[in-house]
Amino acid sequence: MTVNRAVSVFAGFMIMLSLVLAHFSGQIDLTKISWLWFTAFVGANLFQMGFTGFCPAAKIFKALGLKDSGASACAG
């Protein structure tokens, strides 16, 4: 695992952990539809990208014509 992938795993985990902690402390209610589910999706995507290397955002940006520098954490 590279440093970039480890950072993605860590960032994704921390995003999801913060949502879970806020939910169980009563600050937010994840049982209702809200924009926080978008945050959960981003965290989960970062987490899985760190392990699999697959990044939907990178595929979309490449399809739009952006070039890959090769140094990106999301260069899959």
Protein backbone atom coordinates (compact mmCIF):
# COMPACT_ATOMS: atom_id res chain seq x y z
CA MET A 1 0.00 0.00 0.00
CA THR A 2 1.30 3.43 -0.93
CA VAL A 3 1.23 6.53 1.26
CA ASN A 4 -1.45 8.08 -0.99
CA ARG A 5 -3.69 5.04 -0.62
CA ALA A 6 -3.11 4.90 3.15
CA VAL A 7 -4.11 8.57 3.39
CA SER A 8 -7.30 7.81 1.45
CA VAL A 9 -8.15 4.89 3.74
CA PHE A 10 -7.49 7.02 6.82
CA ALA A 11 -9.49 10.00 5.51
CA GLY A 12 -12.43 7.82 4.50
CA PHE A 13 -12.41 6.05 7.85
CA MET A 14 -12.31 9.34 9.78
CA ILE A 15 -15.23 10.78 7.76
CA MET A 16 -17.37 7.72 8.43
CA LEU A 17 -16.30 7.55 12.09
CA SER A 18 -17.26 11.20 12.64
CA LEU A 19 -20.73 10.54 11.20
CA VAL A 20 -21.22 7.45 13.37
CA LEU A 21 -20.05 9.26 16.52
CA ALA A 22 -22.31 12.24 15.79
CA HIS A 23 -25.23 9.88 15.21
CA PHE A 24 -24.77 7.92 18.42
CA SER A 25 -24.21 11.08 20.49
CA GLY A 26 -27.57 12.40 19.26
CA GLN A 27 -26.19 15.31 17.23
CA ILE A 28 -27.48 13.96 13.90
CA ASP A 29 -30.06 11.39 12.86
CA LEU A 30 -28.77 9.13 10.10
CA THR A 31 -32.03 7.18 10.02
CA LYS A 32 -33.63 10.05 8.08
CA ILE A 33 -32.80 11.07 4.52
CA SER A 34 -30.38 13.99 4.56
CA TRP A 35 -27.34 15.42 2.79
CA LEU A 36 -25.17 13.66 5.38
CA TRP A 37 -25.61 10.48 3.35
CA PHE A 38 -23.62 12.22 0.61
CA THR A 39 -20.82 12.72 3.14
CA ALA A 40 -21.04 9.04 4.05
CA PHE A 41 -20.78 8.11 0.36
CA VAL A 42 -17.65 10.24 -0.07
CA GLY A 43 -16.07 8.67 3.02
CA ALA A 44 -16.91 5.15 1.89
CA ASN A 45 -15.58 5.88 -1.60
CA LEU A 46 -12.27 7.18 -0.21
CA PHE A 47 -11.99 4.14 2.05
CA GLN A 48 -12.60 1.58 -0.70
CA MET A 49 -10.37 3.46 -3.17
CA GLY A 50 -7.47 3.09 -0.75
CA PHE A 51 -7.78 -0.69 -0.93
CA THR A 52 -8.98 -1.31 -4.49
CA GLY A 53 -7.50 1.61 -6.42
CA PHE A 54 -10.83 2.15 -8.19
CA CYS A 55 -11.97 5.79 -8.13
CA PRO A 56 -15.17 6.79 -9.97
CA ALA A 57 -14.23 10.48 -9.81
CA ALA A 58 -10.93 9.79 -11.62
CA LYS A 59 -12.79 7.89 -14.36
CA ILE A 60 -15.22 10.80 -14.82
CA PHE A 61 -12.46 13.42 -14.92
CA LYS A 62 -10.47 11.36 -17.44
CA ALA A 63 -13.59 11.04 -19.61
CA LEU A 64 -13.91 14.84 -19.48
CA GLY A 65 -10.39 15.13 -20.89
CA LEU A 66 -8.33 15.95 -17.81
CA LYS A 67 -4.83 14.49 -17.76
CA ASP A 68 -3.51 12.17 -15.04
CA SER A 69 -0.32 13.35 -13.33
CA GLY A 70 0.31 9.91 -11.85
CA ALA A 71 0.83 11.38 -8.36
CA SER A 72 -2.83 11.51 -7.43
CA ALA A 73 -4.27 9.37 -4.64
CA CYS A 74 -7.23 8.77 -6.95
CA ALA A 75 -5.26 7.79 -10.06
CA GLY A 76 -7.08 4.50 -10.72
